[in-house]
Amino acid sequence: MIETEKSVITALENSLSEIVGNKVFRWSVPSEYADDYPYIRVSELNNIDSDYRDNKATSGNVDIQIDFWTLNEPETIQNEINETMESLGYARTLVTPVFEEDTRALRKAMRYRIKKILKEDL
């Protein structure tokens, strides 16, 4: 398996620190930050082997979902997330907005995929 979440979180923390501070979380948002907008959550969705040679995987596909919540217009955050992910080699595969009536916050789910080489072909 390929580890990608930690490197994605580090890159997002570096590129979005002026906007979200240190509120880039892995898997879940701590309850004490639930009303402290904006913030980001990073979760791996899928991590599968692909491209086989001699019955061994030579590459893998990883899908990552990045959710962010904001009370303001989402363009600045979503554009910075997208630029950061593209700089890491990810391709965007989905964007879904969800307006949360109870909190009046906008949540955007952004999904990305990357293909990583596990070993060089011989």
PDB file of N, CA and C in Angstrom:
ATOM      1  N   MET A   1       0.835  -1.192   0.000  1.00  0.00           N
ATOM      2  CA  MET A   1       0.000   0.000   0.000  1.00  0.00           C
ATOM      3  C   MET A   1       0.870   1.242   0.000  1.00  0.00           C
ATOM      4  N   ILE A   2       0.311   2.281  -0.542  1.00  0.00           N
ATOM      5  CA  ILE A   2       1.017   3.547  -0.685  1.00  0.00           C
ATOM      6  C   ILE A   2       0.476   4.524   0.353  1.00  0.00           C
ATOM      7  N   GLU A   3       1.339   5.146   1.113  1.00  0.00           N
ATOM      8  CA  GLU A   3       0.915   6.146   2.096  1.00  0.00           C
ATOM      9  C   GLU A   3       0.905   7.508   1.416  1.00  0.00           C
ATOM     10  N   THR A   4      -0.235   8.184   1.463  1.00  0.00           N
ATOM     11  CA  THR A   4      -0.327   9.505   0.841  1.00  0.00           C
ATOM     12  C   THR A   4      -0.959  10.567   1.742  1.00  0.00           C
ATOM     13  N   GLU A   5      -1.744  10.162   2.709  1.00  0.00           N
ATOM     14  CA  GLU A   5      -2.475  11.143   3.519  1.00  0.00           C
ATOM     15  C   GLU A   5      -1.556  12.139   4.218  1.00  0.00           C
ATOM     16  N   LYS A   6      -0.494  11.651   4.828  1.00  0.00           N
ATOM     17  CA  LYS A   6       0.386  12.543   5.588  1.00  0.00           C
ATOM     18  C   LYS A   6       1.032  13.586   4.693  1.00  0.00           C
ATOM     19  N   SER A   7       1.472  13.185   3.504  1.00  0.00           N
ATOM     20  CA  SER A   7       2.112  14.155   2.603  1.00  0.00           C
ATOM     21  C   SER A   7       1.088  15.159   2.074  1.00  0.00           C
ATOM     22  N   VAL A   8      -0.145  14.719   1.850  1.00  0.00           N
ATOM     23  CA  VAL A   8      -1.200  15.635   1.418  1.00  0.00           C
ATOM     24  C   VAL A   8      -1.499  16.639   2.524  1.00  0.00           C
ATOM     25  N   ILE A   9      -1.622  16.172   3.748  1.00  0.00           N
ATOM     26  CA  ILE A   9      -1.904  17.065   4.874  1.00  0.00           C
ATOM     27  C   ILE A   9      -0.798  18.096   5.029  1.00  0.00           C
ATOM     28  N   THR A  10       0.444  17.673   4.967  1.00  0.00           N
ATOM     29  CA  THR A  10       1.569  18.603   5.091  1.00  0.00           C
ATOM     30  C   THR A  10       1.525  19.660   3.994  1.00  0.00           C
ATOM     31  N   ALA A  11       1.275  19.240   2.763  1.00  0.00           N
ATOM     32  CA  ALA A  11       1.211  20.194   1.647  1.00  0.00           C
ATOM     33  C   ALA A  11       0.058  21.180   1.823  1.00  0.00           C
ATOM     34  N   LEU A  12      -1.096  20.694   2.268  1.00  0.00           N
ATOM     35  CA  LEU A  12      -2.238  21.582   2.484  1.00  0.00           C
ATOM     36  C   LEU A  12      -1.978  22.539   3.650  1.00  0.00           C
ATOM     37  N   GLU A  13      -1.364  22.047   4.710  1.00  0.00           N
ATOM     38  CA  GLU A  13      -1.020  22.928   5.836  1.00  0.00           C
ATOM     39  C   GLU A  13      -0.097  24.048   5.371  1.00  0.00           C
ATOM     40  N   ASN A  14       0.868  23.706   4.533  1.00  0.00           N
ATOM     41  CA  ASN A  14       1.812  24.714   4.045  1.00  0.00           C
ATOM     42  C   ASN A  14       1.144  25.733   3.131  1.00  0.00           C
ATOM     43  N   SER A  15       0.267  25.280   2.250  1.00  0.00           N
ATOM     44  CA  SER A  15      -0.318  26.196   1.277  1.00  0.00           C
ATOM     45  C   SER A  15      -1.534  26.962   1.801  1.00  0.00           C
ATOM     46  N   LEU A  16      -2.187  26.452   2.841  1.00  0.00           N
ATOM     47  CA  LEU A  16      -3.416  27.089   3.327  1.00  0.00           C
ATOM     48  C   LEU A  16      -3.310  27.613   4.755  1.00  0.00           C
ATOM     49  N   SER A  17      -2.119  27.705   5.296  1.00  0.00           N
ATOM     50  CA  SER A  17      -1.966  28.102   6.698  1.00  0.00           C
ATOM     51  C   SER A  17      -2.544  29.488   6.978  1.00  0.00           C
ATOM     52  N   GLU A  18      -2.460  30.403   6.018  1.00  0.00           N
ATOM     53  CA  GLU A  18      -3.007  31.749   6.245  1.00  0.00           C
ATOM     54  C   GLU A  18      -4.532  31.749   6.277  1.00  0.00           C
ATOM     55  N   ILE A  19      -5.149  30.742   5.671  1.00  0.00           N
ATOM     56  CA  ILE A  19      -6.612  30.687   5.596  1.00  0.00           C
ATOM     57  C   ILE A  19      -7.204  29.830   6.711  1.00  0.00           C
ATOM     58  N   VAL A  20      -6.630  28.632   6.932  1.00  0.00           N
ATOM     59  CA  VAL A  20      -7.219  27.707   7.911  1.00  0.00           C
ATOM     60  C   VAL A  20      -6.352  27.510   9.152  1.00  0.00           C
ATOM     61  N   GLY A  21      -5.184  28.131   9.189  1.00  0.00           N
ATOM     62  CA  GLY A  21      -4.298  27.930  10.336  1.00  0.00           C
ATOM     63  C   GLY A  21      -3.831  26.493  10.398  1.00  0.00           C
ATOM     64  N   ASN A  22      -3.927  25.880  11.556  1.00  0.00           N
ATOM     65  CA  ASN A  22      -3.498  24.484  11.735  1.00  0.00           C
ATOM     66  C   ASN A  22      -4.682  23.516  11.701  1.00  0.00           C
ATOM     67  N   LYS A  23      -5.774  23.913  11.064  1.00  0.00           N
ATOM     68  CA  LYS A  23      -6.999  23.107  11.060  1.00  0.00           C
ATOM     69  C   LYS A  23      -7.128  22.261   9.791  1.00  0.00           C
ATOM     70  N   VAL A  24      -6.126  21.412   9.577  1.00  0.00           N
ATOM     71  CA  VAL A  24      -6.175  20.392   8.527  1.00  0.00           C
ATOM     72  C   VAL A  24      -6.088  19.063   9.257  1.00  0.00           C
ATOM     73  N   PHE A  25      -7.162  18.283   9.202  1.00  0.00           N
ATOM     74  CA  PHE A  25      -7.278  17.090  10.024  1.00  0.00           C
ATOM     75  C   PHE A  25      -7.298  15.828   9.182  1.00  0.00           C
ATOM     76  N   ARG A  26      -6.867  14.740   9.787  1.00  0.00           N
ATOM     77  CA  ARG A  26      -6.895  13.430   9.149  1.00  0.00           C
ATOM     78  C   ARG A  26      -8.086  12.647   9.694  1.00  0.00           C
ATOM     79  N   TRP A  27      -8.941  12.173   8.836  1.00  0.00           N
ATOM     80  CA  TRP A  27     -10.081  11.302   9.109  1.00  0.00           C
ATOM     81  C   TRP A  27     -11.276  11.999   9.744  1.00  0.00           C
ATOM     82  N   SER A  28     -11.076  12.762  10.804  1.00  0.00           N
ATOM     83  CA  SER A  28     -12.223  13.396  11.461  1.00  0.00           C
ATOM     84  C   SER A  28     -11.822  14.755  12.019  1.00  0.00           C
ATOM     85  N   VAL A  29     -12.827  15.592  12.196  1.00  0.00           N
ATOM     86  CA  VAL A  29     -12.623  16.922  12.751  1.00  0.00           C
ATOM     87  C   VAL A  29     -12.915  16.854  14.249  1.00  0.00           C
ATOM     88  N   PRO A  30     -11.940  17.211  15.089  1.00  0.00           N
ATOM     89  CA  PRO A  30     -12.190  17.192  16.535  1.00  0.00           C
ATOM     90  C   PRO A  30     -13.377  18.091  16.897  1.00  0.00           C
ATOM     91  N   SER A  31     -14.179  17.666  17.844  1.00  0.00           N
ATOM     92  CA  SER A  31     -15.402  18.389  18.195  1.00  0.00           C
ATOM     93  C   SER A  31     -15.145  19.829  18.611  1.00  0.00           C
ATOM     94  N   GLU A  32     -13.988  20.103  19.204  1.00  0.00           N
ATOM     95  CA  GLU A  32     -13.709  21.478  19.623  1.00  0.00           C
ATOM     96  C   GLU A  32     -13.501  22.436  18.452  1.00  0.00           C
ATOM     97  N   TYR A  33     -13.341  21.906  17.244  1.00  0.00           N
ATOM     98  CA  TYR A  33     -13.165  22.737  16.048  1.00  0.00           C
ATOM     99  C   TYR A  33     -14.412  22.766  15.171  1.00  0.00           C
ATOM    100  N   ALA A  34     -15.465  22.083  15.560  1.00  0.00           N
ATOM    101  CA  ALA A  34     -16.643  21.927  14.713  1.00  0.00           C
ATOM    102  C   ALA A  34     -17.274  23.256  14.296  1.00  0.00           C
ATOM    103  N   ASP A  35     -17.156  24.284  15.111  1.00  0.00           N
ATOM    104  CA  ASP A  35     -17.726  25.597  14.781  1.00  0.00           C
ATOM    105  C   ASP A  35     -16.660  26.637  14.493  1.00  0.00           C
ATOM    106  N   ASP A  36     -15.422  26.211  14.311  1.00  0.00           N
ATOM    107  CA  ASP A  36     -14.302  27.125  14.081  1.00  0.00           C
ATOM    108  C   ASP A  36     -13.913  27.090  12.602  1.00  0.00           C
ATOM    109  N   TYR A  37     -14.718  27.731  11.773  1.00  0.00           N
ATOM    110  CA  TYR A  37     -14.539  27.703  10.324  1.00  0.00           C
ATOM    111  C   TYR A  37     -13.446  28.669   9.881  1.00  0.00           C
ATOM    112  N   PRO A  38     -12.809  28.415   8.768  1.00  0.00           N
ATOM    113  CA  PRO A  38     -12.850  27.236   7.923  1.00  0.00           C
ATOM    114  C   PRO A  38     -11.894  26.159   8.428  1.00  0.00           C
ATOM    115  N   TYR A  39     -12.135  24.924   8.004  1.00  0.00           N
ATOM    116  CA  TYR A  39     -11.238  23.814   8.312  1.00  0.00           C
ATOM    117  C   TYR A  39     -11.336  22.762   7.217  1.00  0.00           C
ATOM    118  N   ILE A  40     -10.372  21.840   7.239  1.00  0.00           N
ATOM    119  CA  ILE A  40     -10.238  20.834   6.181  1.00  0.00           C
ATOM    120  C   ILE A  40     -10.072  19.459   6.811  1.00  0.00           C
ATOM    121  N   ARG A  41     -10.651  18.452   6.142  1.00  0.00           N
ATOM    122  CA  ARG A  41     -10.465  17.054   6.543  1.00  0.00           C
ATOM    123  C   ARG A  41      -9.961  16.268   5.330  1.00  0.00           C
ATOM    124  N   VAL A  42      -8.957  15.410   5.566  1.00  0.00           N
ATOM    125  CA  VAL A  42      -8.370  14.586   4.519  1.00  0.00           C
ATOM    126  C   VAL A  42      -8.602  13.115   4.864  1.00  0.00           C
ATOM    127  N   SER A  43      -9.127  12.361   3.900  1.00  0.00           N
ATOM    128  CA  SER A  43      -9.386  10.933   4.114  1.00  0.00           C
ATOM    129  C   SER A  43      -9.034  10.148   2.854  1.00  0.00           C
ATOM    130  N   GLU A  44      -8.324   9.062   3.055  1.00  0.00           N
ATOM    131  CA  GLU A  44      -8.066   8.154   1.944  1.00  0.00           C
ATOM    132  C   GLU A  44      -9.332   7.343   1.692  1.00  0.00           C
ATOM    133  N   LEU A  45      -9.733   7.239   0.436  1.00  0.00           N
ATOM    134  CA  LEU A  45     -10.928   6.481   0.080  1.00  0.00           C
ATOM    135  C   LEU A  45     -10.603   5.102  -0.450  1.00  0.00           C
ATOM    136  N   ASN A  46      -9.534   5.018  -1.228  1.00  0.00           N
ATOM    137  CA  ASN A  46      -9.190   3.766  -1.861  1.00  0.00           C
ATOM    138  C   ASN A  46      -7.689   3.735  -2.109  1.00  0.00           C
ATOM    139  N   ASN A  47      -7.104   2.552  -1.994  1.00  0.00           N
ATOM    140  CA  ASN A  47      -5.666   2.380  -2.175  1.00  0.00           C
ATOM    141  C   ASN A  47      -5.487   0.974  -2.735  1.00  0.00           C
ATOM    142  N   ILE A  48      -5.449   0.882  -4.066  1.00  0.00           N
ATOM    143  CA  ILE A  48      -5.439  -0.441  -4.686  1.00  0.00           C
ATOM    144  C   ILE A  48      -4.265  -0.601  -5.647  1.00  0.00           C
ATOM    145  N   ASP A  49      -3.797  -1.828  -5.743  1.00  0.00           N
ATOM    146  CA  ASP A  49      -2.731  -2.155  -6.683  1.00  0.00           C
ATOM    147  C   ASP A  49      -3.286  -2.154  -8.103  1.00  0.00           C
ATOM    148  N   SER A  50      -2.405  -1.825  -9.036  1.00  0.00           N
ATOM    149  CA  SER A  50      -2.776  -1.897 -10.448  1.00  0.00           C
ATOM    150  C   SER A  50      -1.513  -2.184 -11.259  1.00  0.00           C
ATOM    151  N   ASP A  51      -1.692  -2.460 -12.523  1.00  0.00           N
ATOM    152  CA  ASP A  51      -0.572  -2.745 -13.415  1.00  0.00           C
ATOM    153  C   ASP A  51       0.354  -3.803 -12.823  1.00  0.00           C
ATOM    154  N   TYR A  52       0.134  -5.028 -13.241  1.00  0.00           N
ATOM    155  CA  TYR A  52       0.882  -6.168 -12.712  1.00  0.00           C
ATOM    156  C   TYR A  52       1.920  -6.656 -13.725  1.00  0.00           C
ATOM    157  N   ARG A  53       2.995  -7.187 -13.198  1.00  0.00           N
ATOM    158  CA  ARG A  53       4.018  -7.851 -13.995  1.00  0.00           C
ATOM    159  C   ARG A  53       4.528  -9.023 -13.173  1.00  0.00           C
ATOM    160  N   ASP A  54       4.539 -10.204 -13.758  1.00  0.00           N
ATOM    161  CA  ASP A  54       4.956 -11.418 -13.053  1.00  0.00           C
ATOM    162  C   ASP A  54       4.177 -11.598 -11.754  1.00  0.00           C
ATOM    163  N   ASN A  55       2.865 -11.358 -11.821  1.00  0.00           N
ATOM    164  CA  ASN A  55       1.956 -11.504 -10.683  1.00  0.00           C
ATOM    165  C   ASN A  55       2.280 -10.570  -9.511  1.00  0.00           C
ATOM    166  N   LYS A  56       2.968  -9.477  -9.771  1.00  0.00           N
ATOM    167  CA  LYS A  56       3.265  -8.488  -8.730  1.00  0.00           C
ATOM    168  C   LYS A  56       2.835  -7.118  -9.221  1.00  0.00           C
ATOM    169  N   ALA A  57       2.220  -6.356  -8.325  1.00  0.00           N
ATOM    170  CA  ALA A  57       1.774  -5.014  -8.692  1.00  0.00           C
ATOM    171  C   ALA A  57       2.984  -4.122  -8.941  1.00  0.00           C
ATOM    172  N   THR A  58       2.900  -3.344 -10.002  1.00  0.00           N
ATOM    173  CA  THR A  58       3.976  -2.396 -10.302  1.00  0.00           C
ATOM    174  C   THR A  58       3.549  -0.956 -10.059  1.00  0.00           C
ATOM    175  N   SER A  59       2.254  -0.749  -9.835  1.00  0.00           N
ATOM    176  CA  SER A  59       1.763   0.584  -9.514  1.00  0.00           C
ATOM    177  C   SER A  59       0.493   0.458  -8.685  1.00  0.00           C
ATOM    178  N   GLY A  60       0.088   1.575  -8.144  1.00  0.00           N
ATOM    179  CA  GLY A  60      -1.126   1.603  -7.345  1.00  0.00           C
ATOM    180  C   GLY A  60      -1.878   2.895  -7.569  1.00  0.00           C
ATOM    181  N   ASN A  61      -3.188   2.834  -7.423  1.00  0.00           N
ATOM    182  CA  ASN A  61      -4.044   4.011  -7.507  1.00  0.00           C
ATOM    183  C   ASN A  61      -4.535   4.358  -6.113  1.00  0.00           C
ATOM    184  N   VAL A  62      -4.454   5.632  -5.783  1.00  0.00           N
ATOM    185  CA  VAL A  62      -4.926   6.100  -4.483  1.00  0.00           C
ATOM    186  C   VAL A  62      -5.938   7.211  -4.714  1.00  0.00           C
ATOM    187  N   ASP A  63      -7.096   7.087  -4.065  1.00  0.00           N
ATOM    188  CA  ASP A  63      -8.124   8.112  -4.099  1.00  0.00           C
ATOM    189  C   ASP A  63      -8.168   8.793  -2.732  1.00  0.00           C
ATOM    190  N   ILE A  64      -8.145  10.108  -2.759  1.00  0.00           N
ATOM    191  CA  ILE A  64      -8.168  10.930  -1.546  1.00  0.00           C
ATOM    192  C   ILE A  64      -9.380  11.857  -1.625  1.00  0.00           C
ATOM    193  N   GLN A  65     -10.073  12.014  -0.512  1.00  0.00           N
ATOM    194  CA  GLN A  65     -11.137  13.012  -0.447  1.00  0.00           C
ATOM    195  C   GLN A  65     -10.726  14.110   0.510  1.00  0.00           C
ATOM    196  N   ILE A  66     -10.893  15.330   0.048  1.00  0.00           N
ATOM    197  CA  ILE A  66     -10.619  16.505   0.876  1.00  0.00           C
ATOM    198  C   ILE A  66     -11.933  17.243   1.037  1.00  0.00           C
ATOM    199  N   ASP A  67     -12.395  17.331   2.262  1.00  0.00           N
ATOM    200  CA  ASP A  67     -13.603  18.087   2.582  1.00  0.00           C
ATOM    201  C   ASP A  67     -13.171  19.375   3.253  1.00  0.00           C
ATOM    202  N   PHE A  68     -13.836  20.459   2.899  1.00  0.00           N
ATOM    203  CA  PHE A  68     -13.613  21.681   3.665  1.00  0.00           C
ATOM    204  C   PHE A  68     -14.948  22.331   3.968  1.00  0.00           C
ATOM    205  N   TRP A  69     -14.986  23.022   5.086  1.00  0.00           N
ATOM    206  CA  TRP A  69     -16.170  23.725   5.552  1.00  0.00           C
ATOM    207  C   TRP A  69     -15.832  25.196   5.678  1.00  0.00           C
ATOM    208  N   THR A  70     -16.746  26.047   5.233  1.00  0.00           N
ATOM    209  CA  THR A  70     -16.531  27.485   5.343  1.00  0.00           C
ATOM    210  C   THR A  70     -17.875  28.196   5.460  1.00  0.00           C
ATOM    211  N   LEU A  71     -17.850  29.369   6.040  1.00  0.00           N
ATOM    212  CA  LEU A  71     -19.031  30.229   6.095  1.00  0.00           C
ATOM    213  C   LEU A  71     -18.970  31.282   4.998  1.00  0.00           C
ATOM    214  N   ASN A  72     -17.835  31.365   4.311  1.00  0.00           N
ATOM    215  CA  ASN A  72     -17.608  32.374   3.280  1.00  0.00           C
ATOM    216  C   ASN A  72     -17.633  31.738   1.898  1.00  0.00           C
ATOM    217  N   GLU A  73     -17.373  32.537   0.900  1.00  0.00           N
ATOM    218  CA  GLU A  73     -17.293  32.028  -0.469  1.00  0.00           C
ATOM    219  C   GLU A  73     -16.175  30.984  -0.547  1.00  0.00           C
ATOM    220  N   PRO A  74     -16.399  29.870  -1.246  1.00  0.00           N
ATOM    221  CA  PRO A  74     -15.443  28.764  -1.234  1.00  0.00           C
ATOM    222  C   PRO A  74     -14.295  28.873  -2.235  1.00  0.00           C
ATOM    223  N   GLU A  75     -14.340  29.816  -3.168  1.00  0.00           N
ATOM    224  CA  GLU A  75     -13.401  29.817  -4.279  1.00  0.00           C
ATOM    225  C   GLU A  75     -11.937  29.856  -3.856  1.00  0.00           C
ATOM    226  N   THR A  76     -11.583  30.697  -2.906  1.00  0.00           N
ATOM    227  CA  THR A  76     -10.176  30.814  -2.507  1.00  0.00           C
ATOM    228  C   THR A  76      -9.647  29.492  -1.973  1.00  0.00           C
ATOM    229  N   ILE A  77     -10.402  28.862  -1.078  1.00  0.00           N
ATOM    230  CA  ILE A  77      -9.962  27.593  -0.494  1.00  0.00           C
ATOM    231  C   ILE A  77      -9.934  26.494  -1.544  1.00  0.00           C
ATOM    232  N   GLN A  78     -11.009  26.364  -2.324  1.00  0.00           N
ATOM    233  CA  GLN A  78     -11.047  25.268  -3.288  1.00  0.00           C
ATOM    234  C   GLN A  78      -9.973  25.419  -4.354  1.00  0.00           C
ATOM    235  N   ASN A  79      -9.690  26.642  -4.784  1.00  0.00           N
ATOM    236  CA  ASN A  79      -8.649  26.841  -5.792  1.00  0.00           C
ATOM    237  C   ASN A  79      -7.264  26.516  -5.242  1.00  0.00           C
ATOM    238  N   GLU A  80      -7.016  26.875  -4.000  1.00  0.00           N
ATOM    239  CA  GLU A  80      -5.719  26.570  -3.386  1.00  0.00           C
ATOM    240  C   GLU A  80      -5.564  25.069  -3.158  1.00  0.00           C
ATOM    241  N   ILE A  81      -6.630  24.406  -2.718  1.00  0.00           N
ATOM    242  CA  ILE A  81      -6.587  22.951  -2.567  1.00  0.00           C
ATOM    243  C   ILE A  81      -6.280  22.312  -3.917  1.00  0.00           C
ATOM    244  N   ASN A  82      -6.989  22.749  -4.954  1.00  0.00           N
ATOM    245  CA  ASN A  82      -6.799  22.162  -6.274  1.00  0.00           C
ATOM    246  C   ASN A  82      -5.372  22.379  -6.786  1.00  0.00           C
ATOM    247  N   GLU A  83      -4.843  23.581  -6.639  1.00  0.00           N
ATOM    248  CA  GLU A  83      -3.464  23.855  -7.071  1.00  0.00           C
ATOM    249  C   GLU A  83      -2.470  22.989  -6.307  1.00  0.00           C
ATOM    250  N   THR A  84      -2.680  22.846  -5.019  1.00  0.00           N
ATOM    251  CA  THR A  84      -1.781  22.034  -4.195  1.00  0.00           C
ATOM    252  C   THR A  84      -1.827  20.572  -4.632  1.00  0.00           C
ATOM    253  N   MET A  85      -3.015  20.057  -4.827  1.00  0.00           N
ATOM    254  CA  MET A  85      -3.143  18.650  -5.223  1.00  0.00           C
ATOM    255  C   MET A  85      -2.548  18.405  -6.609  1.00  0.00           C
ATOM    256  N   GLU A  86      -2.775  19.318  -7.539  1.00  0.00           N
ATOM    257  CA  GLU A  86      -2.179  19.177  -8.866  1.00  0.00           C
ATOM    258  C   GLU A  86      -0.655  19.224  -8.795  1.00  0.00           C
ATOM    259  N   SER A  87      -0.119  20.062  -7.908  1.00  0.00           N
ATOM    260  CA  SER A  87       1.342  20.142  -7.775  1.00  0.00           C
ATOM    261  C   SER A  87       1.926  18.841  -7.228  1.00  0.00           C
ATOM    262  N   LEU A  88       1.103  18.061  -6.517  1.00  0.00           N
ATOM    263  CA  LEU A  88       1.533  16.763  -6.000  1.00  0.00           C
ATOM    264  C   LEU A  88       1.326  15.630  -7.010  1.00  0.00           C
ATOM    265  N   GLY A  89       0.705  15.940  -8.148  1.00  0.00           N
ATOM    266  CA  GLY A  89       0.485  14.936  -9.181  1.00  0.00           C
ATOM    267  C   GLY A  89      -0.892  14.311  -9.185  1.00  0.00           C
ATOM    268  N   TYR A  90      -1.829  14.836  -8.400  1.00  0.00           N
ATOM    269  CA  TYR A  90      -3.191  14.299  -8.327  1.00  0.00           C
ATOM    270  C   TYR A  90      -4.073  14.910  -9.407  1.00  0.00           C
ATOM    271  N   ALA A  91      -5.060  14.146  -9.850  1.00  0.00           N
ATOM    272  CA  ALA A  91      -6.074  14.630 -10.776  1.00  0.00           C
ATOM    273  C   ALA A  91      -7.408  14.675 -10.047  1.00  0.00           C
ATOM    274  N   ARG A  92      -8.130  15.752 -10.216  1.00  0.00           N
ATOM    275  CA  ARG A  92      -9.443  15.895  -9.571  1.00  0.00           C
ATOM    276  C   ARG A  92     -10.449  15.004 -10.293  1.00  0.00           C
ATOM    277  N   THR A  93     -11.249  14.271  -9.522  1.00  0.00           N
ATOM    278  CA  THR A  93     -12.243  13.373 -10.108  1.00  0.00           C
ATOM    279  C   THR A  93     -13.676  13.735  -9.728  1.00  0.00           C
ATOM    280  N   LEU A  94     -13.861  14.588  -8.704  1.00  0.00           N
ATOM    281  CA  LEU A  94     -15.214  14.921  -8.255  1.00  0.00           C
ATOM    282  C   LEU A  94     -15.170  16.149  -7.355  1.00  0.00           C
ATOM    283  N   VAL A  95     -16.197  16.981  -7.468  1.00  0.00           N
ATOM    284  CA  VAL A  95     -16.420  18.075  -6.515  1.00  0.00           C
ATOM    285  C   VAL A  95     -17.913  18.101  -6.234  1.00  0.00           C
ATOM    286  N   THR A  96     -18.277  18.065  -4.950  1.00  0.00           N
ATOM    287  CA  THR A  96     -19.677  18.077  -4.555  1.00  0.00           C
ATOM    288  C   THR A  96     -19.888  19.092  -3.439  1.00  0.00           C
ATOM    289  N   PRO A  97     -20.729  20.112  -3.672  1.00  0.00           N
ATOM    290  CA  PRO A  97     -21.049  21.057  -2.603  1.00  0.00           C
ATOM    291  C   PRO A  97     -22.259  20.581  -1.793  1.00  0.00           C
ATOM    292  N   VAL A  98     -22.221  20.828  -0.495  1.00  0.00           N
ATOM    293  CA  VAL A  98     -23.340  20.511   0.387  1.00  0.00           C
ATOM    294  C   VAL A  98     -23.518  21.687   1.336  1.00  0.00           C
ATOM    295  N   PHE A  99     -24.686  22.319   1.286  1.00  0.00           N
ATOM    296  CA  PHE A  99     -24.975  23.400   2.220  1.00  0.00           C
ATOM    297  C   PHE A  99     -25.631  22.798   3.445  1.00  0.00           C
ATOM    298  N   GLU A 100     -25.034  23.038   4.600  1.00  0.00           N
ATOM    299  CA  GLU A 100     -25.549  22.479   5.850  1.00  0.00           C
ATOM    300  C   GLU A 100     -26.468  23.499   6.511  1.00  0.00           C
ATOM    301  N   GLU A 101     -27.754  23.247   6.424  1.00  0.00           N
ATOM    302  CA  GLU A 101     -28.774  24.180   6.928  1.00  0.00           C
ATOM    303  C   GLU A 101     -28.593  24.522   8.403  1.00  0.00           C
ATOM    304  N   ASP A 102     -28.293  23.519   9.218  1.00  0.00           N
ATOM    305  CA  ASP A 102     -28.232  23.743  10.661  1.00  0.00           C
ATOM    306  C   ASP A 102     -27.081  24.665  11.070  1.00  0.00           C
ATOM    307  N   THR A 103     -25.946  24.605  10.365  1.00  0.00           N
ATOM    308  CA  THR A 103     -24.790  25.436  10.728  1.00  0.00           C
ATOM    309  C   THR A 103     -24.607  26.619   9.790  1.00  0.00           C
ATOM    310  N   ARG A 104     -25.328  26.601   8.653  1.00  0.00           N
ATOM    311  CA  ARG A 104     -25.199  27.622   7.613  1.00  0.00           C
ATOM    312  C   ARG A 104     -23.818  27.600   6.951  1.00  0.00           C
ATOM    313  N   ALA A 105     -23.136  26.477   7.083  1.00  0.00           N
ATOM    314  CA  ALA A 105     -21.805  26.314   6.494  1.00  0.00           C
ATOM    315  C   ALA A 105     -21.909  25.582   5.159  1.00  0.00           C
ATOM    316  N   LEU A 106     -20.980  25.896   4.281  1.00  0.00           N
ATOM    317  CA  LEU A 106     -20.853  25.166   3.035  1.00  0.00           C
ATOM    318  C   LEU A 106     -19.748  24.139   3.212  1.00  0.00           C
ATOM    319  N   ARG A 107     -20.068  22.910   2.882  1.00  0.00           N
ATOM    320  CA  ARG A 107     -19.061  21.846   2.871  1.00  0.00           C
ATOM    321  C   ARG A 107     -18.856  21.458   1.420  1.00  0.00           C
ATOM    322  N   LYS A 108     -17.594  21.394   1.015  1.00  0.00           N
ATOM    323  CA  LYS A 108     -17.281  20.915  -0.326  1.00  0.00           C
ATOM    324  C   LYS A 108     -16.425  19.686  -0.200  1.00  0.00           C
ATOM    325  N   ALA A 109     -16.837  18.634  -0.891  1.00  0.00           N
ATOM    326  CA  ALA A 109     -16.068  17.397  -0.957  1.00  0.00           C
ATOM    327  C   ALA A 109     -15.352  17.385  -2.303  1.00  0.00           C
ATOM    328  N   MET A 110     -14.030  17.249  -2.260  1.00  0.00           N
ATOM    329  CA  MET A 110     -13.221  17.232  -3.475  1.00  0.00           C
ATOM    330  C   MET A 110     -12.436  15.925  -3.490  1.00  0.00           C
ATOM    331  N   ARG A 111     -12.586  15.160  -4.561  1.00  0.00           N
ATOM    332  CA  ARG A 111     -11.884  13.878  -4.660  1.00  0.00           C
ATOM    333  C   ARG A 111     -10.789  13.958  -5.719  1.00  0.00           C
ATOM    334  N   TYR A 112      -9.694  13.263  -5.400  1.00  0.00           N
ATOM    335  CA  TYR A 112      -8.518  13.256  -6.264  1.00  0.00           C
ATOM    336  C   TYR A 112      -7.971  11.846  -6.384  1.00  0.00           C
ATOM    337  N   ARG A 113      -7.300  11.584  -7.502  1.00  0.00           N
ATOM    338  CA  ARG A 113      -6.669  10.284  -7.734  1.00  0.00           C
ATOM    339  C   ARG A 113      -5.236  10.494  -8.214  1.00  0.00           C
ATOM    340  N   ILE A 114      -4.373   9.584  -7.749  1.00  0.00           N
ATOM    341  CA  ILE A 114      -3.001   9.551  -8.225  1.00  0.00           C
ATOM    342  C   ILE A 114      -2.610   8.105  -8.489  1.00  0.00           C
ATOM    343  N   LYS A 115      -1.767   7.927  -9.475  1.00  0.00           N
ATOM    344  CA  LYS A 115      -1.209   6.616  -9.764  1.00  0.00           C
ATOM    345  C   LYS A 115       0.275   6.695  -9.426  1.00  0.00           C
ATOM    346  N   LYS A 116       0.708   5.787  -8.559  1.00  0.00           N
ATOM    347  CA  LYS A 116       2.109   5.766  -8.117  1.00  0.00           C
ATOM    348  C   LYS A 116       2.778   4.476  -8.552  1.00  0.00           C
ATOM    349  N   ILE A 117       4.012   4.599  -8.974  1.00  0.00           N
ATOM    350  CA  ILE A 117       4.815   3.435  -9.353  1.00  0.00           C
ATOM    351  C   ILE A 117       5.330   2.765  -8.085  1.00  0.00           C
ATOM    352  N   LEU A 118       5.098   1.459  -7.959  1.00  0.00           N
ATOM    353  CA  LEU A 118       5.582   0.708  -6.806  1.00  0.00           C
ATOM    354  C   LEU A 118       6.994   0.199  -7.030  1.00  0.00           C
ATOM    355  N   LYS A 119       7.269  -0.194  -8.286  1.00  0.00           N
ATOM    356  CA  LYS A 119       8.623  -0.614  -8.638  1.00  0.00           C
ATOM    357  C   LYS A 119       8.782  -0.452 -10.137  1.00  0.00           C
ATOM    358  N   GLU A 120       9.972  -0.219 -10.563  1.00  0.00           N
ATOM    359  CA  GLU A 120      10.235  -0.032 -11.976  1.00  0.00           C
ATOM    360  C   GLU A 120      10.086  -1.344 -12.726  1.00  0.00           C
ATOM    361  N   ASP A 121       9.521  -1.277 -13.917  1.00  0.00           N
ATOM    362  CA  ASP A 121       9.450  -2.463 -14.775  1.00  0.00           C
ATOM    363  C   ASP A 121      10.846  -2.906 -15.135  1.00  0.00           C
ATOM    364  N   LEU A 122      11.046  -4.215 -15.150  1.00  0.00           N
ATOM    365  CA  LEU A 122      12.360  -4.774 -15.499  1.00  0.00           C
ATOM    366  C   LEU A 122      12.460  -5.050 -16.969  1.00  0.00           C
TER     367      LEU A 122
END
